[in-house]
Amino acid sequence: MSLLSLLIALLAEKSLSSSLWHFDYYYQQYVNFFQNNSTLSQLKNSNLSYTLFLLLPVAAVYGVLALVDDGLIHLIISTLILIVSFGCVATRDSYKQYLHTAFRGETTSAELHHQQLLQDKNLPPMGFGQALIWLNYRYYIAVMLFFVIFGAAGVVFYRLLTTVIEQQKGCSLDANTTEQSNVNNEVSKESQVNIDKAATEEVQIEAIFPQEDTNEQHSVPSISSGCKNYHHILFYIDWLPVRLTSFGYMFVGHFSKALPMWLESLLDGKKPTHEILIDVAQKSEDIMVDKDDCTAEPCLLVRLAKRNLLLMLAVISVLTLVGIVT
């Protein structure tokens, strides 16, 4: 049943454009409910509020599915939740807009799309292709793995946790790890000057980045170190899935080149998970491109990510056939 749900969700996700099929829509509704509820609002800025905000939807989904005895209804509910949790329209649109502006030679506008994506997803500085590799894991592969292992309730927990982190602007990963990831991702001084000038022109930015309801920032209950705690939780949750995903990159890319990097990070309990995944992915793909071509690396890494997604789906299919996954 898990494999059937995954196949249906992957086929339906890109064709359903209505906001009713987007996770951010339900996240906004949940935030409004949490803030407007008289009982829950009294718990604001408390540890209990911090915990309830994450666990209430998970418990609700788990309880509903536990009460359903009919296998077909269980399959339908799980598949609908999976469709809503898969993918991210804003990221896909950002990728398309980046390519359109880059192919037209508008490097400043392309870099603005790059910076906007990092800001919207609350990511540390990294290349555009690197960000796509990480977001592909977050919105597709991690969702698949959590669905297979923990069911629909696990998917809701993971997407809720990552969305909370994305919405807490100004509270990103550790600054020290960010500096390490910046070495190979700095833009030239001339390009940066153009970006800063363009960023000050509000009309131009609004024309490039039209505001959508799915990109609204929502206020969530938190404690003084709430965002840091969210990052710590996600770090440990992603520890094993990231290493499994990066192992897949070696099989669909250059195994011998990526293996030393994967072995080096296998037992490293301090290296940020996004750096592990990105480093192995880059080693798995030959990125010998012109420095002036800002589209080559993202396109190569996206194709690599698609191959890895198909590999993960094939592995789940085999595990289903032998009875390990139900």
C-alpha atoms as a PDB file:
ATOM      1  CA  MET A   1       0.000   0.000   0.000  1.00  0.00           C
ATOM      2  CA  SER A   2       2.886   2.377   0.710  1.00  0.00           C
ATOM      3  CA  LEU A   3       4.257   1.879  -2.806  1.00  0.00           C
ATOM      4  CA  LEU A   4       0.851   2.485  -4.373  1.00  0.00           C
ATOM      5  CA  SER A   5       0.408   5.690  -2.381  1.00  0.00           C
ATOM      6  CA  LEU A   6       3.852   6.897  -3.419  1.00  0.00           C
ATOM      7  CA  LEU A   7       3.215   6.242  -7.102  1.00  0.00           C
ATOM      8  CA  ILE A   8      -0.136   8.020  -7.028  1.00  0.00           C
ATOM      9  CA  ALA A   9       1.254  10.973  -5.085  1.00  0.00           C
ATOM     10  CA  LEU A  10       4.251  11.430  -7.398  1.00  0.00           C
ATOM     11  CA  LEU A  11       2.004  11.378 -10.454  1.00  0.00           C
ATOM     12  CA  ALA A  12      -0.578  13.749  -8.974  1.00  0.00           C
ATOM     13  CA  GLU A  13       1.668  16.224  -7.171  1.00  0.00           C
ATOM     14  CA  LYS A  14       2.811  18.285 -10.165  1.00  0.00           C
ATOM     15  CA  SER A  15      -0.577  18.332 -11.876  1.00  0.00           C
ATOM     16  CA  LEU A  16      -2.557  19.671  -8.901  1.00  0.00           C
ATOM     17  CA  SER A  17      -2.000  23.429  -8.866  1.00  0.00           C
ATOM     18  CA  SER A  18      -4.747  24.527  -6.496  1.00  0.00           C
ATOM     19  CA  SER A  19      -3.632  25.870  -3.116  1.00  0.00           C
ATOM     20  CA  LEU A  20      -5.802  23.204  -1.482  1.00  0.00           C
ATOM     21  CA  TRP A  21      -3.119  20.688  -2.482  1.00  0.00           C
ATOM     22  CA  HIS A  22      -0.256  22.672  -0.972  1.00  0.00           C
ATOM     23  CA  PHE A  23       1.074  22.038   2.517  1.00  0.00           C
ATOM     24  CA  ASP A  24       1.579  25.759   3.192  1.00  0.00           C
ATOM     25  CA  TYR A  25      -2.159  26.369   2.867  1.00  0.00           C
ATOM     26  CA  TYR A  26      -2.963  23.970   5.701  1.00  0.00           C
ATOM     27  CA  TYR A  27      -0.014  25.215   7.701  1.00  0.00           C
ATOM     28  CA  GLN A  28      -1.438  28.742   7.579  1.00  0.00           C
ATOM     29  CA  GLN A  29      -4.857  27.481   8.673  1.00  0.00           C
ATOM     30  CA  TYR A  30      -3.284  25.579  11.545  1.00  0.00           C
ATOM     31  CA  VAL A  31      -1.263  28.580  12.692  1.00  0.00           C
ATOM     32  CA  ASN A  32      -4.411  30.733  12.689  1.00  0.00           C
ATOM     33  CA  PHE A  33      -6.280  28.097  14.668  1.00  0.00           C
ATOM     34  CA  PHE A  34      -3.474  27.767  17.202  1.00  0.00           C
ATOM     35  CA  GLN A  35      -3.205  31.525  17.727  1.00  0.00           C
ATOM     36  CA  ASN A  36      -6.954  32.163  17.906  1.00  0.00           C
ATOM     37  CA  ASN A  37      -7.772  29.297  20.256  1.00  0.00           C
ATOM     38  CA  SER A  38      -8.335  30.757  23.731  1.00  0.00           C
ATOM     39  CA  THR A  39      -6.935  27.735  25.560  1.00  0.00           C
ATOM     40  CA  LEU A  40      -3.828  27.309  23.403  1.00  0.00           C
ATOM     41  CA  SER A  41      -3.106  31.044  23.316  1.00  0.00           C
ATOM     42  CA  GLN A  42      -2.672  31.016  27.094  1.00  0.00           C
ATOM     43  CA  LEU A  43       0.277  28.649  26.650  1.00  0.00           C
ATOM     44  CA  LYS A  44       2.144  31.050  24.386  1.00  0.00           C
ATOM     45  CA  ASN A  45       5.927  31.220  24.885  1.00  0.00           C
ATOM     46  CA  SER A  46       5.953  28.094  27.010  1.00  0.00           C
ATOM     47  CA  ASN A  47       7.603  24.726  26.535  1.00  0.00           C
ATOM     48  CA  LEU A  48       4.174  23.103  26.421  1.00  0.00           C
ATOM     49  CA  SER A  49       3.098  25.387  23.573  1.00  0.00           C
ATOM     50  CA  TYR A  50       6.305  24.576  21.711  1.00  0.00           C
ATOM     51  CA  THR A  51       5.562  20.843  22.015  1.00  0.00           C
ATOM     52  CA  LEU A  52       1.834  20.951  21.328  1.00  0.00           C
ATOM     53  CA  PHE A  53       2.283  22.951  18.146  1.00  0.00           C
ATOM     54  CA  LEU A  54       4.328  20.113  16.652  1.00  0.00           C
ATOM     55  CA  LEU A  55       2.461  17.131  18.066  1.00  0.00           C
ATOM     56  CA  LEU A  56      -1.227  18.050  17.819  1.00  0.00           C
ATOM     57  CA  PRO A  57      -1.541  17.506  14.033  1.00  0.00           C
ATOM     58  CA  VAL A  58       0.558  14.348  14.238  1.00  0.00           C
ATOM     59  CA  ALA A  59      -1.649  12.911  16.974  1.00  0.00           C
ATOM     60  CA  ALA A  60      -4.784  13.863  15.041  1.00  0.00           C
ATOM     61  CA  VAL A  61      -3.621  12.110  11.856  1.00  0.00           C
ATOM     62  CA  TYR A  62      -2.428   9.059  13.768  1.00  0.00           C
ATOM     63  CA  GLY A  63      -5.724   8.840  15.676  1.00  0.00           C
ATOM     64  CA  VAL A  64      -7.876   9.126  12.555  1.00  0.00           C
ATOM     65  CA  LEU A  65      -5.922   6.450  10.699  1.00  0.00           C
ATOM     66  CA  ALA A  66      -5.957   4.166  13.746  1.00  0.00           C
ATOM     67  CA  LEU A  67      -9.758   4.363  13.873  1.00  0.00           C
ATOM     68  CA  VAL A  68     -10.132   3.483  10.186  1.00  0.00           C
ATOM     69  CA  ASP A  69     -10.666  -0.242   9.703  1.00  0.00           C
ATOM     70  CA  ASP A  70     -11.271  -0.190   5.968  1.00  0.00           C
ATOM     71  CA  GLY A  71      -8.053  -0.638   3.994  1.00  0.00           C
ATOM     72  CA  LEU A  72      -9.278   1.366   1.005  1.00  0.00           C
ATOM     73  CA  ILE A  73     -10.245   4.383   3.106  1.00  0.00           C
ATOM     74  CA  HIS A  74      -6.910   4.154   4.930  1.00  0.00           C
ATOM     75  CA  LEU A  75      -5.135   4.157   1.551  1.00  0.00           C
ATOM     76  CA  ILE A  76      -7.119   7.169   0.307  1.00  0.00           C
ATOM     77  CA  ILE A  77      -6.485   9.256   3.432  1.00  0.00           C
ATOM     78  CA  SER A  78      -2.768   8.396   3.491  1.00  0.00           C
ATOM     79  CA  THR A  79      -2.379   9.163  -0.205  1.00  0.00           C
ATOM     80  CA  LEU A  80      -4.131  12.530   0.107  1.00  0.00           C
ATOM     81  CA  ILE A  81      -1.838  13.512   2.986  1.00  0.00           C
ATOM     82  CA  LEU A  82       1.165  12.392   0.955  1.00  0.00           C
ATOM     83  CA  ILE A  83       0.104  14.440  -2.082  1.00  0.00           C
ATOM     84  CA  VAL A  84      -0.258  17.552   0.075  1.00  0.00           C
ATOM     85  CA  SER A  85       3.135  16.952   1.716  1.00  0.00           C
ATOM     86  CA  PHE A  86       5.079  16.252  -1.492  1.00  0.00           C
ATOM     87  CA  GLY A  87       6.976  18.977  -3.286  1.00  0.00           C
ATOM     88  CA  CYS A  88       6.957  22.756  -3.074  1.00  0.00           C
ATOM     89  CA  VAL A  89       5.439  24.963  -5.767  1.00  0.00           C
ATOM     90  CA  ALA A  90       7.436  28.038  -4.714  1.00  0.00           C
ATOM     91  CA  THR A  91      10.754  26.190  -5.107  1.00  0.00           C
ATOM     92  CA  ARG A  92       9.793  24.792  -8.503  1.00  0.00           C
ATOM     93  CA  ASP A  93       8.708  28.256  -9.708  1.00  0.00           C
ATOM     94  CA  SER A  94      11.929  29.783  -8.398  1.00  0.00           C
ATOM     95  CA  TYR A  95      13.949  27.237 -10.382  1.00  0.00           C
ATOM     96  CA  LYS A  96      12.025  28.006 -13.579  1.00  0.00           C
ATOM     97  CA  GLN A  97      12.389  31.764 -13.116  1.00  0.00           C
ATOM     98  CA  TYR A  98      16.103  31.380 -12.386  1.00  0.00           C
ATOM     99  CA  LEU A  99      16.634  29.439 -15.619  1.00  0.00           C
ATOM    100  CA  HIS A 100      14.557  31.888 -17.687  1.00  0.00           C
ATOM    101  CA  THR A 101      16.511  34.915 -16.497  1.00  0.00           C
ATOM    102  CA  ALA A 102      19.865  33.114 -16.752  1.00  0.00           C
ATOM    103  CA  PHE A 103      19.219  31.963 -20.326  1.00  0.00           C
ATOM    104  CA  ARG A 104      18.368  35.571 -21.238  1.00  0.00           C
ATOM    105  CA  GLY A 105      21.728  36.656 -19.835  1.00  0.00           C
ATOM    106  CA  GLU A 106      20.193  38.555 -16.886  1.00  0.00           C
ATOM    107  CA  THR A 107      22.725  37.370 -14.326  1.00  0.00           C
ATOM    108  CA  THR A 108      21.723  39.932 -11.698  1.00  0.00           C
ATOM    109  CA  SER A 109      18.079  38.877 -11.824  1.00  0.00           C
ATOM    110  CA  ALA A 110      19.121  35.215 -11.713  1.00  0.00           C
ATOM    111  CA  GLU A 111      21.211  35.891  -8.623  1.00  0.00           C
ATOM    112  CA  LEU A 112      18.252  37.687  -7.054  1.00  0.00           C
ATOM    113  CA  HIS A 113      16.151  34.555  -7.562  1.00  0.00           C
ATOM    114  CA  HIS A 114      18.954  32.584  -5.955  1.00  0.00           C
ATOM    115  CA  GLN A 115      19.119  34.825  -2.896  1.00  0.00           C
ATOM    116  CA  GLN A 116      15.330  34.956  -2.655  1.00  0.00           C
ATOM    117  CA  LEU A 117      15.155  31.156  -2.546  1.00  0.00           C
ATOM    118  CA  LEU A 118      17.711  31.002   0.258  1.00  0.00           C
ATOM    119  CA  GLN A 119      15.786  33.637   2.188  1.00  0.00           C
ATOM    120  CA  ASP A 120      12.377  32.031   1.656  1.00  0.00           C
ATOM    121  CA  LYS A 121      13.636  28.621   2.794  1.00  0.00           C
ATOM    122  CA  ASN A 122      15.782  30.029   5.613  1.00  0.00           C
ATOM    123  CA  LEU A 123      18.906  28.340   4.238  1.00  0.00           C
ATOM    124  CA  PRO A 124      22.538  29.265   4.906  1.00  0.00           C
ATOM    125  CA  PRO A 125      24.512  30.685   1.958  1.00  0.00           C
ATOM    126  CA  MET A 126      25.015  28.026  -0.705  1.00  0.00           C
ATOM    127  CA  GLY A 127      24.955  27.699  -4.473  1.00  0.00           C
ATOM    128  CA  PHE A 128      21.648  27.577  -6.308  1.00  0.00           C
ATOM    129  CA  GLY A 129      22.191  23.997  -7.443  1.00  0.00           C
ATOM    130  CA  GLN A 130      23.220  23.015  -3.918  1.00  0.00           C
ATOM    131  CA  ALA A 131      20.023  24.503  -2.529  1.00  0.00           C
ATOM    132  CA  LEU A 132      17.984  22.501  -5.047  1.00  0.00           C
ATOM    133  CA  ILE A 133      19.742  19.285  -3.991  1.00  0.00           C
ATOM    134  CA  TRP A 134      18.879  19.944  -0.361  1.00  0.00           C
ATOM    135  CA  LEU A 135      15.286  20.969  -1.058  1.00  0.00           C
ATOM    136  CA  ASN A 136      14.784  17.937  -3.284  1.00  0.00           C
ATOM    137  CA  TYR A 137      15.740  15.806  -0.306  1.00  0.00           C
ATOM    138  CA  ARG A 138      13.505  17.772   2.046  1.00  0.00           C
ATOM    139  CA  TYR A 139      10.388  17.797  -0.142  1.00  0.00           C
ATOM    140  CA  TYR A 140      10.638  14.415  -1.832  1.00  0.00           C
ATOM    141  CA  ILE A 141      13.106  11.808  -0.583  1.00  0.00           C
ATOM    142  CA  ALA A 142      12.743  12.543   3.138  1.00  0.00           C
ATOM    143  CA  VAL A 143       8.946  12.537   2.759  1.00  0.00           C
ATOM    144  CA  MET A 144       9.128   9.164   0.986  1.00  0.00           C
ATOM    145  CA  LEU A 145      11.314   7.637   3.687  1.00  0.00           C
ATOM    146  CA  PHE A 146       9.196   8.952   6.539  1.00  0.00           C
ATOM    147  CA  PHE A 147       6.032   7.729   4.851  1.00  0.00           C
ATOM    148  CA  VAL A 148       7.404   4.219   4.371  1.00  0.00           C
ATOM    149  CA  ILE A 149       8.727   3.967   7.935  1.00  0.00           C
ATOM    150  CA  PHE A 150       6.285   6.020  10.004  1.00  0.00           C
ATOM    151  CA  GLY A 151       3.246   6.399   7.770  1.00  0.00           C
ATOM    152  CA  ALA A 152       1.242   9.555   7.129  1.00  0.00           C
ATOM    153  CA  ALA A 153       1.661  10.792  10.716  1.00  0.00           C
ATOM    154  CA  GLY A 154       5.441  10.749  10.312  1.00  0.00           C
ATOM    155  CA  VAL A 155       5.177  12.738   7.093  1.00  0.00           C
ATOM    156  CA  VAL A 156       3.034  15.391   8.803  1.00  0.00           C
ATOM    157  CA  PHE A 157       5.562  15.708  11.636  1.00  0.00           C
ATOM    158  CA  TYR A 158       8.512  16.116   9.274  1.00  0.00           C
ATOM    159  CA  ARG A 159       6.832  18.646   6.994  1.00  0.00           C
ATOM    160  CA  LEU A 160       5.509  20.626   9.952  1.00  0.00           C
ATOM    161  CA  LEU A 161       8.952  20.762  11.555  1.00  0.00           C
ATOM    162  CA  THR A 162      10.707  21.876   8.352  1.00  0.00           C
ATOM    163  CA  THR A 163       8.025  24.465   7.618  1.00  0.00           C
ATOM    164  CA  VAL A 164       8.359  25.962  11.103  1.00  0.00           C
ATOM    165  CA  ILE A 165      12.110  26.330  10.537  1.00  0.00           C
ATOM    166  CA  GLU A 166      11.565  27.923   7.134  1.00  0.00           C
ATOM    167  CA  GLN A 167       9.138  30.470   8.590  1.00  0.00           C
ATOM    168  CA  GLN A 168      11.412  31.520  11.446  1.00  0.00           C
ATOM    169  CA  LYS A 169      13.378  34.072   9.464  1.00  0.00           C
ATOM    170  CA  GLY A 170      16.618  35.351  10.903  1.00  0.00           C
ATOM    171  CA  CYS A 171      17.262  32.137  12.818  1.00  0.00           C
ATOM    172  CA  SER A 172      19.294  29.942  10.515  1.00  0.00           C
ATOM    173  CA  LEU A 173      21.986  27.341  11.045  1.00  0.00           C
ATOM    174  CA  ASP A 174      25.092  27.863  13.170  1.00  0.00           C
ATOM    175  CA  ALA A 175      27.169  30.759  11.881  1.00  0.00           C
ATOM    176  CA  ASN A 176      30.368  28.711  12.066  1.00  0.00           C
ATOM    177  CA  THR A 177      29.033  26.016   9.777  1.00  0.00           C
ATOM    178  CA  THR A 178      27.676  28.710   7.488  1.00  0.00           C
ATOM    179  CA  GLU A 179      31.137  30.198   7.057  1.00  0.00           C
ATOM    180  CA  GLN A 180      32.522  26.816   6.039  1.00  0.00           C
ATOM    181  CA  SER A 181      29.842  26.372   3.396  1.00  0.00           C
ATOM    182  CA  ASN A 182      30.478  29.848   1.973  1.00  0.00           C
ATOM    183  CA  VAL A 183      34.000  29.181   0.657  1.00  0.00           C
ATOM    184  CA  ASN A 184      32.970  27.823  -2.729  1.00  0.00           C
ATOM    185  CA  ASN A 185      29.698  29.747  -3.003  1.00  0.00           C
ATOM    186  CA  GLU A 186      30.695  33.428  -2.906  1.00  0.00           C
ATOM    187  CA  VAL A 187      29.565  35.636  -5.757  1.00  0.00           C
ATOM    188  CA  SER A 188      31.948  38.164  -7.251  1.00  0.00           C
ATOM    189  CA  LYS A 189      32.136  41.665  -5.791  1.00  0.00           C
ATOM    190  CA  GLU A 190      30.815  43.196  -8.966  1.00  0.00           C
ATOM    191  CA  SER A 191      27.785  40.902  -9.005  1.00  0.00           C
ATOM    192  CA  GLN A 192      27.144  41.558  -5.341  1.00  0.00           C
ATOM    193  CA  VAL A 193      27.099  45.316  -5.927  1.00  0.00           C
ATOM    194  CA  ASN A 194      24.500  44.839  -8.635  1.00  0.00           C
ATOM    195  CA  ILE A 195      22.450  42.602  -6.357  1.00  0.00           C
ATOM    196  CA  ASP A 196      22.489  45.172  -3.565  1.00  0.00           C
ATOM    197  CA  LYS A 197      21.417  47.927  -5.932  1.00  0.00           C
ATOM    198  CA  ALA A 198      18.633  45.836  -7.377  1.00  0.00           C
ATOM    199  CA  ALA A 199      17.494  44.780  -3.937  1.00  0.00           C
ATOM    200  CA  THR A 200      16.934  48.419  -2.987  1.00  0.00           C
ATOM    201  CA  GLU A 201      14.554  48.944  -5.862  1.00  0.00           C
ATOM    202  CA  GLU A 202      11.307  47.739  -4.363  1.00  0.00           C
ATOM    203  CA  VAL A 203       9.339  47.940  -7.601  1.00  0.00           C
ATOM    204  CA  GLN A 204      11.830  45.795  -9.471  1.00  0.00           C
ATOM    205  CA  ILE A 205      11.901  43.108  -6.815  1.00  0.00           C
ATOM    206  CA  GLU A 206       8.131  43.001  -6.613  1.00  0.00           C
ATOM    207  CA  ALA A 207       8.015  42.544 -10.372  1.00  0.00           C
ATOM    208  CA  ILE A 208      10.462  39.669 -10.208  1.00  0.00           C
ATOM    209  CA  PHE A 209       9.038  38.057  -7.092  1.00  0.00           C
ATOM    210  CA  PRO A 210       5.254  38.460  -7.058  1.00  0.00           C
ATOM    211  CA  GLN A 211       3.842  37.835  -3.610  1.00  0.00           C
ATOM    212  CA  GLU A 212       1.802  34.666  -3.229  1.00  0.00           C
ATOM    213  CA  ASP A 213      -0.262  33.392  -0.382  1.00  0.00           C
ATOM    214  CA  THR A 214       1.948  30.316  -0.115  1.00  0.00           C
ATOM    215  CA  ASN A 215       4.968  32.498   0.657  1.00  0.00           C
ATOM    216  CA  GLU A 216       3.463  34.401   3.576  1.00  0.00           C
ATOM    217  CA  GLN A 217       5.368  34.420   6.832  1.00  0.00           C
ATOM    218  CA  HIS A 218       3.412  33.048   9.729  1.00  0.00           C
ATOM    219  CA  SER A 219       4.014  33.611  13.403  1.00  0.00           C
ATOM    220  CA  VAL A 220       4.381  30.421  15.376  1.00  0.00           C
ATOM    221  CA  PRO A 221       4.554  29.861  19.128  1.00  0.00           C
ATOM    222  CA  SER A 222       8.113  29.664  20.374  1.00  0.00           C
ATOM    223  CA  ILE A 223      10.264  29.880  23.467  1.00  0.00           C
ATOM    224  CA  SER A 224      13.470  31.863  23.822  1.00  0.00           C
ATOM    225  CA  SER A 225      15.599  29.154  22.184  1.00  0.00           C
ATOM    226  CA  GLY A 226      12.767  27.632  20.166  1.00  0.00           C
ATOM    227  CA  CYS A 227      14.276  27.980  16.713  1.00  0.00           C
ATOM    228  CA  LYS A 228      17.584  26.540  17.873  1.00  0.00           C
ATOM    229  CA  ASN A 229      15.741  23.594  19.376  1.00  0.00           C
ATOM    230  CA  TYR A 230      13.884  23.035  16.119  1.00  0.00           C
ATOM    231  CA  HIS A 231      17.185  22.891  14.250  1.00  0.00           C
ATOM    232  CA  HIS A 232      18.612  20.428  16.763  1.00  0.00           C
ATOM    233  CA  ILE A 233      15.584  18.169  16.440  1.00  0.00           C
ATOM    234  CA  LEU A 234      15.802  18.227  12.652  1.00  0.00           C
ATOM    235  CA  PHE A 235      19.557  17.552  12.756  1.00  0.00           C
ATOM    236  CA  TYR A 236      19.075  14.252  14.581  1.00  0.00           C
ATOM    237  CA  ILE A 237      16.005  13.297  12.559  1.00  0.00           C
ATOM    238  CA  ASP A 238      17.880  13.850   9.285  1.00  0.00           C
ATOM    239  CA  TRP A 239      21.040  12.045  10.405  1.00  0.00           C
ATOM    240  CA  LEU A 240      20.243   8.604   8.972  1.00  0.00           C
ATOM    241  CA  PRO A 241      17.992   9.610   6.015  1.00  0.00           C
ATOM    242  CA  VAL A 242      20.658  11.998   4.716  1.00  0.00           C
ATOM    243  CA  ARG A 243      23.287   9.274   4.749  1.00  0.00           C
ATOM    244  CA  LEU A 244      20.946   6.867   2.988  1.00  0.00           C
ATOM    245  CA  THR A 245      20.130   9.494   0.384  1.00  0.00           C
ATOM    246  CA  SER A 246      23.768  10.402  -0.183  1.00  0.00           C
ATOM    247  CA  PHE A 247      24.538   6.687  -0.554  1.00  0.00           C
ATOM    248  CA  GLY A 248      22.019   6.635  -3.382  1.00  0.00           C
ATOM    249  CA  TYR A 249      23.798   9.529  -5.086  1.00  0.00           C
ATOM    250  CA  MET A 250      26.914   7.378  -5.327  1.00  0.00           C
ATOM    251  CA  PHE A 251      25.019   4.662  -7.193  1.00  0.00           C
ATOM    252  CA  VAL A 252      23.488   7.024  -9.732  1.00  0.00           C
ATOM    253  CA  GLY A 253      26.722   9.014 -10.092  1.00  0.00           C
ATOM    254  CA  HIS A 254      30.441   8.376  -9.716  1.00  0.00           C
ATOM    255  CA  PHE A 255      30.653   5.803  -6.947  1.00  0.00           C
ATOM    256  CA  SER A 256      34.447   5.709  -6.624  1.00  0.00           C
ATOM    257  CA  LYS A 257      34.770   9.499  -6.427  1.00  0.00           C
ATOM    258  CA  ALA A 258      32.001   9.973  -3.878  1.00  0.00           C
ATOM    259  CA  LEU A 259      32.744   6.967  -1.650  1.00  0.00           C
ATOM    260  CA  PRO A 260      35.645   8.573   0.294  1.00  0.00           C
ATOM    261  CA  MET A 261      33.498  11.630   1.029  1.00  0.00           C
ATOM    262  CA  TRP A 262      30.580   9.436   2.150  1.00  0.00           C
ATOM    263  CA  LEU A 263      32.799   7.282   4.411  1.00  0.00           C
ATOM    264  CA  GLU A 264      34.356  10.404   5.909  1.00  0.00           C
ATOM    265  CA  SER A 265      30.965  11.783   6.904  1.00  0.00           C
ATOM    266  CA  LEU A 266      29.437   8.447   7.930  1.00  0.00           C
ATOM    267  CA  LEU A 267      30.469   8.685  11.572  1.00  0.00           C
ATOM    268  CA  ASP A 268      30.800  12.463  11.726  1.00  0.00           C
ATOM    269  CA  GLY A 269      28.215  13.516  14.273  1.00  0.00           C
ATOM    270  CA  LYS A 270      28.918  17.253  14.035  1.00  0.00           C
ATOM    271  CA  LYS A 271      28.955  18.062  10.333  1.00  0.00           C
ATOM    272  CA  PRO A 272      25.659  19.687   9.242  1.00  0.00           C
ATOM    273  CA  THR A 273      23.433  17.286   7.345  1.00  0.00           C
ATOM    274  CA  HIS A 274      22.960  19.636   4.399  1.00  0.00           C
ATOM    275  CA  GLU A 275      26.730  19.813   3.901  1.00  0.00           C
ATOM    276  CA  ILE A 276      27.022  16.017   3.916  1.00  0.00           C
ATOM    277  CA  LEU A 277      24.345  15.604   1.272  1.00  0.00           C
ATOM    278  CA  ILE A 278      25.647  18.420  -0.931  1.00  0.00           C
ATOM    279  CA  ASP A 279      29.292  17.314  -0.728  1.00  0.00           C
ATOM    280  CA  VAL A 280      28.512  13.720  -1.713  1.00  0.00           C
ATOM    281  CA  ALA A 281      26.147  14.847  -4.485  1.00  0.00           C
ATOM    282  CA  GLN A 282      28.782  17.138  -5.987  1.00  0.00           C
ATOM    283  CA  LYS A 283      31.388  14.389  -5.866  1.00  0.00           C
ATOM    284  CA  SER A 284      28.906  12.069  -7.571  1.00  0.00           C
ATOM    285  CA  GLU A 285      28.541  14.359 -10.581  1.00  0.00           C
ATOM    286  CA  ASP A 286      31.158  15.778 -12.930  1.00  0.00           C
ATOM    287  CA  ILE A 287      30.671  19.515 -12.662  1.00  0.00           C
ATOM    288  CA  MET A 288      33.176  20.764 -15.222  1.00  0.00           C
ATOM    289  CA  VAL A 289      31.404  23.859 -16.459  1.00  0.00           C
ATOM    290  CA  ASP A 290      32.138  27.374 -17.588  1.00  0.00           C
ATOM    291  CA  LYS A 291      32.254  29.778 -14.660  1.00  0.00           C
ATOM    292  CA  ASP A 292      30.134  32.238 -16.632  1.00  0.00           C
ATOM    293  CA  ASP A 293      27.408  29.631 -17.153  1.00  0.00           C
ATOM    294  CA  CYS A 294      25.210  29.845 -14.058  1.00  0.00           C
ATOM    295  CA  THR A 295      22.715  27.275 -15.369  1.00  0.00           C
ATOM    296  CA  ALA A 296      24.985  24.261 -15.879  1.00  0.00           C
ATOM    297  CA  GLU A 297      25.525  23.284 -12.237  1.00  0.00           C
ATOM    298  CA  PRO A 298      21.851  23.551 -11.183  1.00  0.00           C
ATOM    299  CA  CYS A 299      20.724  21.550 -14.232  1.00  0.00           C
ATOM    300  CA  LEU A 300      23.310  18.819 -13.646  1.00  0.00           C
ATOM    301  CA  LEU A 301      22.466  18.514  -9.961  1.00  0.00           C
ATOM    302  CA  VAL A 302      18.720  18.487 -10.611  1.00  0.00           C
ATOM    303  CA  ARG A 303      19.137  15.636 -13.103  1.00  0.00           C
ATOM    304  CA  LEU A 304      21.240  13.803 -10.537  1.00  0.00           C
ATOM    305  CA  ALA A 305      18.546  14.323  -7.896  1.00  0.00           C
ATOM    306  CA  LYS A 306      15.874  12.962 -10.247  1.00  0.00           C
ATOM    307  CA  ARG A 307      17.910   9.815 -10.866  1.00  0.00           C
ATOM    308  CA  ASN A 308      18.344   9.345  -7.144  1.00  0.00           C
ATOM    309  CA  LEU A 309      14.605   9.755  -6.602  1.00  0.00           C
ATOM    310  CA  LEU A 310      13.931   6.991  -9.116  1.00  0.00           C
ATOM    311  CA  LEU A 311      16.516   4.799  -7.384  1.00  0.00           C
ATOM    312  CA  MET A 312      14.830   5.298  -4.008  1.00  0.00           C
ATOM    313  CA  LEU A 313      11.480   4.429  -5.548  1.00  0.00           C
ATOM    314  CA  ALA A 314      12.956   1.283  -7.103  1.00  0.00           C
ATOM    315  CA  VAL A 315      14.438   0.214  -3.759  1.00  0.00           C
ATOM    316  CA  ILE A 316      11.089   0.708  -2.040  1.00  0.00           C
ATOM    317  CA  SER A 317       9.453  -1.357  -4.800  1.00  0.00           C
ATOM    318  CA  VAL A 318      11.883  -4.247  -4.225  1.00  0.00           C
ATOM    319  CA  LEU A 319      11.376  -4.075  -0.467  1.00  0.00           C
ATOM    320  CA  THR A 320       7.634  -4.169  -1.051  1.00  0.00           C
ATOM    321  CA  LEU A 321       7.895  -7.239  -3.291  1.00  0.00           C
ATOM    322  CA  VAL A 322       9.914  -9.166  -0.693  1.00  0.00           C
ATOM    323  CA  GLY A 323       7.500  -8.199   2.056  1.00  0.00           C
ATOM    324  CA  ILE A 324       9.727  -5.919   4.132  1.00  0.00           C
ATOM    325  CA  VAL A 325       7.642  -2.828   3.331  1.00  0.00           C
ATOM    326  CA  THR A 326       3.858  -3.087   3.414  1.00  0.00           C
END
